Amino acid sequence: MQKIILIPKLSGKIEEQYDVIIIGAGIAGSTAAIYTARQALKTLLIDKVGIGGNLLITHNIENYPGYPSISGLELAEKLEIQLKKLNVPIVFEEVKDVNLTEDNLFQVKTTLEKTYKARALIVATGAEHAKLGIPGEKEFLGRGISYCATCDGPLFKGRNVAVIGGGNTAATYVEYLSNICKKVYWIHRRREFRAEPHLQKIALSKMNVEKLTPYKPIRFEGVEKLEKIILENLENGEQTTLNVEGVFIAIGQKPNTEFLKNLPIKLKENGYIEVDERMRTNVKGVCAAGDVNGIENQYIVAAGQGATAALTIARYLKTGEWQ
């Protein structure tokens, strides 16, 4: 049964101008909002879906300090409680662009044709995992299907799993999972992997790793949890069934930065936002935190970056110093 995620109603008053606007209410953005509010900064949090971001599709978390085991939804609810307590206003709208006005205010426009202004900005919009777009992928997300091996791999200790993808990320997933899982199938649609040779060598040297090329998954099957993948051989068209309990999809990621097109924010070659150790971008008054930076996609890292960005912005707004 598909979960229905209710959009929370927060108690903050919605106005037009703020000290700081935070775009993205995942763990990075929500943490940043908690910190800016505690710094007595007038804060607005904007997200197109709801509080929690990827937490809302994460079944279980076992590596977040203080919680030996907690569901993503539970952790998102705890963030909501903190934001309510601090009266942080939030709007559930999609940001379409950001501009810098003549009076040095960041003007944030949404797809609902609403405009909000702030003296500073924190971007915490994360990144989208590339999807296979096949039957069962959405249904078994969080119930056997994951896009992050380091996040969810320990949940499949001693079990049979598969990694789909041929690049460096897939190779590192295979090597990591081979140390904790019974069997790891490495599946790629081409005969040869694209990962760097030394990464391939390390991954394929493991006795419990099996290479499956050139195969493409055509659907995922199971009852309440993932049980099998149906694969098609791209050379002869034959189909085969692979019994696994976990699948890690690593076919690419795209940071959510399109709405920043009107700001001269410097991006890395892979499209992620470039930041320094204080989460500052090259644009004065703009910080970025979380997966949108492409630095260790872990919830605890995102939370730390969110806090750092908030404290950096607080110092900037109080002193005027950026570097």
Protein backbone atom coordinates (compact mmCIF):
# COMPACT_ATOMS: atom_id res chain seq x y z
CA MET A 1 0.00 0.00 0.00
CA GLN A 2 1.38 3.40 -0.96
CA LYS A 3 2.01 5.75 1.94
CA ILE A 4 0.15 9.05 1.96
CA ILE A 5 2.42 11.85 3.13
CA LEU A 6 0.50 14.71 4.68
CA ILE A 7 1.91 18.20 4.29
CA PRO A 8 2.41 19.61 7.79
CA LYS A 9 0.89 22.92 8.83
CA LEU A 10 3.42 25.08 10.62
CA SER A 11 2.54 28.04 12.78
CA GLY A 12 4.88 30.70 11.39
CA LYS A 13 3.42 33.77 9.71
CA ILE A 14 4.12 34.07 5.96
CA GLU A 15 5.46 37.50 4.96
CA GLU A 16 7.33 38.88 1.97
CA GLN A 17 10.77 39.81 3.29
CA TYR A 18 13.15 37.85 5.53
CA ASP A 19 16.70 37.83 6.81
CA VAL A 20 17.28 34.44 5.19
CA ILE A 21 15.35 32.17 2.86
CA ILE A 22 16.21 28.47 2.89
CA ILE A 23 15.25 26.54 -0.23
CA GLY A 24 14.80 22.84 0.49
CA ALA A 25 13.35 21.30 3.68
CA GLY A 26 15.33 18.07 3.75
CA ILE A 27 17.60 17.39 6.68
CA ALA A 28 20.14 20.03 5.54
CA GLY A 29 17.57 22.77 5.00
CA SER A 30 15.54 21.94 8.11
CA THR A 31 18.68 21.92 10.27
CA ALA A 32 19.71 25.26 8.78
CA ALA A 33 16.25 26.68 9.60
CA ILE A 34 16.50 25.48 13.21
CA TYR A 35 19.87 27.21 13.58
CA THR A 36 18.91 30.48 11.87
CA ALA A 37 15.74 30.69 13.96
CA ARG A 38 17.78 30.15 17.13
CA GLN A 39 20.06 32.97 15.95
CA ALA A 40 16.97 35.23 15.94
CA LEU A 41 17.03 35.57 12.16
CA LYS A 42 13.73 36.05 10.38
CA THR A 43 13.62 32.80 8.39
CA LEU A 44 11.48 31.34 5.62
CA LEU A 45 11.74 27.68 4.59
CA ILE A 46 10.54 26.71 1.11
CA ASP A 47 10.07 23.18 -0.24
CA LYS A 48 8.05 21.76 -3.11
CA VAL A 49 7.05 18.54 -1.31
CA GLY A 50 7.29 18.51 2.49
CA ILE A 51 9.60 18.45 5.48
CA GLY A 52 12.22 15.71 5.31
CA GLY A 53 13.20 15.46 1.65
CA ASN A 54 14.69 12.00 1.03
CA LEU A 55 13.87 11.03 4.60
CA LEU A 56 10.29 10.55 3.44
CA ILE A 57 11.34 7.67 1.18
CA THR A 58 13.94 6.11 3.48
CA HIS A 59 12.64 3.00 5.20
CA ASN A 60 15.19 2.66 8.00
CA ILE A 61 18.23 4.59 9.23
CA GLU A 62 20.83 2.97 11.47
CA ASN A 63 23.77 5.39 11.23
CA TYR A 64 22.30 8.63 12.61
CA PRO A 65 23.80 9.41 16.04
CA GLY A 66 21.44 8.90 18.94
CA TYR A 67 19.12 6.58 17.00
CA PRO A 68 20.25 2.96 16.68
CA SER A 69 17.29 2.53 14.34
CA ILE A 70 14.72 5.06 13.13
CA SER A 71 12.58 5.35 10.03
CA GLY A 72 13.06 8.32 7.74
CA LEU A 73 9.46 9.35 8.34
CA GLU A 74 9.96 9.36 12.12
CA LEU A 75 13.06 11.53 11.82
CA ALA A 76 11.19 13.92 9.49
CA GLU A 77 8.39 14.18 12.07
CA LYS A 78 10.94 15.10 14.75
CA LEU A 79 12.26 17.85 12.48
CA GLU A 80 8.70 19.11 12.06
CA ILE A 81 8.26 19.27 15.82
CA GLN A 82 11.41 21.37 16.20
CA LEU A 83 10.42 23.73 13.39
CA LYS A 84 6.95 24.20 14.91
CA LYS A 85 8.45 24.92 18.32
CA LEU A 86 10.58 27.66 16.77
CA ASN A 87 7.65 29.04 14.73
CA VAL A 88 9.57 28.75 11.48
CA PRO A 89 7.22 29.64 8.59
CA ILE A 90 7.27 27.27 5.64
CA VAL A 91 5.64 27.35 2.24
CA PHE A 92 5.20 24.31 0.04
CA GLU A 93 5.90 25.72 -3.38
CA GLU A 94 8.43 25.01 -6.11
CA VAL A 95 11.04 27.71 -6.68
CA LYS A 96 11.42 28.59 -10.35
CA ASP A 97 14.11 31.28 -10.18
CA VAL A 98 16.14 33.56 -7.93
CA ASN A 99 17.34 37.06 -8.78
CA LEU A 100 19.43 39.69 -7.01
CA THR A 101 17.62 43.04 -6.86
CA GLU A 102 19.20 46.49 -7.14
CA ASP A 103 18.99 46.88 -3.36
CA ASN A 104 20.97 43.62 -2.87
CA LEU A 105 18.06 41.44 -1.84
CA PHE A 106 17.55 37.91 -3.12
CA GLN A 107 14.17 37.69 -4.82
CA VAL A 108 12.76 34.16 -4.86
CA LYS A 109 9.91 33.43 -7.27
CA THR A 110 7.80 30.26 -7.16
CA THR A 111 5.70 28.45 -9.72
CA LEU A 112 2.61 29.80 -7.94
CA GLU A 113 3.77 33.27 -9.02
CA LYS A 114 4.59 34.31 -5.46
CA THR A 115 7.66 36.34 -4.59
CA TYR A 116 9.69 36.38 -1.37
CA LYS A 117 12.77 38.47 -0.57
CA ALA A 118 15.70 37.98 1.80
CA ARG A 119 19.10 39.42 2.66
CA ALA A 120 20.70 35.98 2.41
CA LEU A 121 20.01 32.57 0.92
CA ILE A 122 20.75 28.95 1.79
CA VAL A 123 20.34 26.43 -1.03
CA ALA A 124 19.56 22.91 0.23
CA THR A 125 17.69 21.42 -2.71
CA GLY A 126 19.58 18.12 -2.87
CA ALA A 127 20.03 15.98 -5.95
CA GLU A 128 17.77 13.68 -7.91
CA HIS A 129 18.82 10.07 -8.46
CA ALA A 130 18.49 8.96 -12.05
CA LYS A 131 15.68 6.42 -12.33
CA LEU A 132 15.39 3.28 -14.43
CA GLY A 133 11.71 3.95 -15.01
CA ILE A 134 10.67 0.30 -14.99
CA PRO A 135 7.76 -1.48 -13.26
CA GLY A 136 8.28 -2.04 -9.54
CA GLU A 137 10.99 0.59 -9.07
CA LYS A 138 8.71 3.08 -7.36
CA GLU A 139 6.68 0.43 -5.52
CA PHE A 140 9.72 -1.20 -3.87
CA LEU A 141 11.62 1.99 -3.06
CA GLY A 142 12.57 1.67 0.60
CA ARG A 143 11.44 -1.96 0.56
CA GLY A 144 14.42 -3.47 -1.19
CA ILE A 145 15.36 -0.76 -3.68
CA SER A 146 17.82 1.96 -2.70
CA TYR A 147 20.00 4.56 -4.41
CA CYS A 148 22.61 4.70 -1.64
CA ALA A 149 24.66 1.66 -0.63
CA THR A 150 26.51 3.37 2.21
CA CYS A 151 23.18 4.50 3.66
CA ASP A 152 21.19 1.27 3.35
CA GLY A 153 23.74 -1.47 2.68
CA PRO A 154 24.01 -2.62 6.32
CA LEU A 155 20.29 -3.47 6.23
CA PHE A 156 21.14 -6.31 3.83
CA LYS A 157 24.02 -7.86 5.73
CA GLY A 158 24.43 -11.54 4.77
CA ARG A 159 21.88 -11.34 1.95
CA ASN A 160 21.94 -11.45 -1.84
CA VAL A 161 21.89 -8.04 -3.50
CA ALA A 162 22.49 -6.44 -6.89
CA VAL A 163 24.06 -3.20 -8.06
CA ILE A 164 22.83 -1.66 -11.32
CA GLY A 165 25.16 0.71 -13.17
CA GLY A 166 28.56 0.73 -14.80
CA GLY A 167 30.31 3.82 -13.47
CA ASN A 168 32.57 4.65 -10.54
CA THR A 169 29.71 4.93 -8.07
CA ALA A 170 28.45 1.47 -9.00
CA ALA A 171 31.96 0.05 -8.63
CA THR A 172 32.39 1.50 -5.16
CA TYR A 173 28.94 0.20 -4.19
CA VAL A 174 29.90 -3.32 -5.34
CA GLU A 175 33.17 -3.25 -3.39
CA TYR A 176 31.47 -1.92 -0.25
CA LEU A 177 28.57 -4.38 -0.37
CA SER A 178 30.86 -7.35 -1.03
CA ASN A 179 32.23 -6.91 2.49
CA ILE A 180 28.84 -7.25 4.19
CA CYS A 181 26.56 -9.16 1.81
CA LYS A 182 26.48 -12.85 0.92
CA LYS A 183 26.39 -12.30 -2.84
CA VAL A 184 26.62 -9.18 -5.02
CA TYR A 185 25.52 -9.17 -8.68
CA TRP A 186 26.96 -6.31 -10.73
CA ILE A 187 24.57 -5.57 -13.60
CA HIS A 188 25.27 -3.29 -16.56
CA ARG A 189 23.57 -2.85 -19.92
CA ARG A 190 26.86 -2.72 -21.83
CA ARG A 191 29.42 -5.52 -22.05
CA GLU A 192 32.13 -3.35 -20.48
CA PHE A 193 31.85 -1.17 -17.38
CA ARG A 194 32.65 2.55 -17.54
CA ALA A 195 34.23 2.67 -14.08
CA GLU A 196 37.93 3.41 -13.73
CA PRO A 197 39.98 0.22 -14.29
CA HIS A 198 41.42 0.10 -10.77
CA LEU A 199 37.95 0.38 -9.24
CA GLN A 200 36.71 -2.45 -11.46
CA LYS A 201 39.67 -4.59 -10.51
CA ILE A 202 39.04 -4.15 -6.80
CA ALA A 203 35.31 -4.89 -7.09
CA LEU A 204 35.62 -7.88 -9.40
CA SER A 205 38.41 -9.43 -7.34
CA LYS A 206 35.92 -10.25 -4.60
CA MET A 207 34.89 -13.93 -4.57
CA ASN A 208 31.23 -13.12 -3.88
CA VAL A 209 30.85 -10.67 -6.80
CA GLU A 210 29.35 -11.84 -10.09
CA LYS A 211 29.42 -9.75 -13.28
CA LEU A 212 26.23 -9.74 -15.38
CA THR A 213 26.63 -7.97 -18.73
CA PRO A 214 25.13 -6.97 -21.09
CA TYR A 215 21.85 -7.11 -19.18
CA LYS A 216 19.17 -4.57 -18.45
CA PRO A 217 16.51 -4.89 -15.74
CA ILE A 218 13.00 -4.82 -17.14
CA ARG A 219 10.96 -5.12 -13.92
CA PHE A 220 11.13 -5.73 -10.18
CA GLU A 221 8.85 -8.24 -8.47
CA GLY A 222 7.84 -9.18 -4.95
CA VAL A 223 4.92 -9.22 -2.53
CA GLU A 224 5.49 -6.78 0.32
CA LYS A 225 9.24 -6.51 -0.29
CA LEU A 226 11.50 -6.92 -3.29
CA GLU A 227 12.14 -10.57 -4.12
CA LYS A 228 13.48 -10.70 -7.68
CA ILE A 229 14.64 -8.82 -10.77
CA ILE A 230 13.71 -9.81 -14.29
CA LEU A 231 16.66 -9.18 -16.62
CA GLU A 232 16.95 -9.15 -20.39
CA ASN A 233 20.12 -10.03 -22.24
CA LEU A 234 20.67 -7.23 -24.76
CA GLU A 235 22.50 -9.50 -27.23
CA ASN A 236 20.08 -12.39 -27.56
CA GLY A 237 16.89 -11.06 -25.93
CA GLU A 238 16.66 -13.90 -23.42
CA GLN A 239 15.14 -13.16 -20.04
CA THR A 240 16.40 -14.42 -16.70
CA THR A 241 15.20 -14.11 -13.10
CA LEU A 242 17.53 -13.04 -10.33
CA ASN A 243 16.49 -13.69 -6.72
CA VAL A 244 17.73 -10.83 -4.53
CA GLU A 245 16.49 -8.97 -1.47
CA GLY A 246 18.20 -5.68 -2.21
CA VAL A 247 18.98 -3.61 -5.30
CA PHE A 248 21.17 -0.52 -5.40
CA ILE A 249 20.68 1.67 -8.44
CA ALA A 250 23.70 3.77 -9.42
CA ILE A 251 23.07 5.17 -12.87
CA GLY A 252 23.74 8.82 -12.09
CA GLN A 253 22.56 11.81 -10.11
CA LYS A 254 21.60 15.34 -11.02
CA PRO A 255 21.78 18.23 -8.52
CA ASN A 256 18.68 20.43 -8.31
CA THR A 257 20.18 23.76 -9.35
CA GLU A 258 18.21 24.79 -12.47
CA PHE A 259 16.38 27.56 -10.60
CA LEU A 260 19.73 29.30 -9.91
CA LYS A 261 20.29 30.14 -13.57
CA ASN A 262 20.02 33.89 -12.93
CA LEU A 263 22.70 33.91 -10.23
CA PRO A 264 26.41 33.59 -11.12
CA ILE A 265 26.94 30.69 -8.70
CA LYS A 266 30.00 28.63 -9.50
CA LEU A 267 29.32 24.95 -10.18
CA LYS A 268 31.70 22.01 -10.30
CA GLU A 269 32.20 20.10 -13.54
CA ASN A 270 29.55 17.57 -12.46
CA GLY A 271 27.01 20.32 -11.83
CA TYR A 272 27.14 20.40 -8.02
CA ILE A 273 27.53 23.72 -6.21
CA GLU A 274 31.07 24.62 -5.24
CA VAL A 275 31.42 25.67 -1.59
CA ASP A 276 34.24 26.32 0.87
CA GLU A 277 34.61 24.90 4.37
CA ARG A 278 31.99 27.37 5.70
CA MET A 279 29.48 26.33 2.98
CA ARG A 280 29.92 29.69 1.24
CA THR A 281 29.43 29.93 -2.52
CA ASN A 282 31.17 32.51 -4.70
CA VAL A 283 28.08 34.73 -4.43
CA LYS A 284 28.08 36.93 -1.35
CA GLY A 285 25.20 36.02 0.95
CA VAL A 286 24.55 32.57 -0.55
CA CYS A 287 25.45 29.30 1.17
CA ALA A 288 24.68 25.77 0.02
CA ALA A 289 24.28 22.63 2.13
CA GLY A 290 23.53 18.94 1.70
CA ASP A 291 23.49 16.72 -1.38
CA VAL A 292 23.38 19.73 -3.73
CA ASN A 293 27.12 20.09 -2.94
CA GLY A 294 27.92 16.48 -3.86
CA ILE A 295 29.96 15.95 -0.68
CA GLU A 296 29.31 12.58 1.02
CA ASN A 297 25.57 12.02 0.61
CA GLN A 298 24.87 11.12 4.22
CA TYR A 299 22.17 12.50 6.50
CA ILE A 300 24.57 13.36 9.31
CA VAL A 301 26.84 15.20 6.85
CA ALA A 302 23.87 17.13 5.45
CA ALA A 303 22.78 18.12 8.97
CA GLY A 304 26.29 19.34 9.79
CA GLN A 305 26.49 21.33 6.57
CA GLY A 306 23.07 22.86 7.28
CA ALA A 307 24.21 24.01 10.72
CA THR A 308 27.48 25.38 9.32
CA ALA A 309 25.67 27.28 6.56
CA ALA A 310 23.24 28.78 9.07
CA LEU A 311 25.99 29.97 11.41
CA THR A 312 27.93 31.37 8.45
CA ILE A 313 24.89 33.35 7.30
CA ALA A 314 24.19 34.56 10.85
CA ARG A 315 27.74 35.89 11.15
CA TYR A 316 27.52 37.53 7.74
CA LEU A 317 24.23 39.29 8.48
CA LYS A 318 25.50 40.54 11.83
CA THR A 319 28.98 41.66 10.75
CA GLY A 320 28.80 42.12 6.98
CA GLU A 321 31.93 39.98 6.60
CA TRP A 322 31.83 37.23 3.99
CA GLN A 323 35.41 36.01 3.61
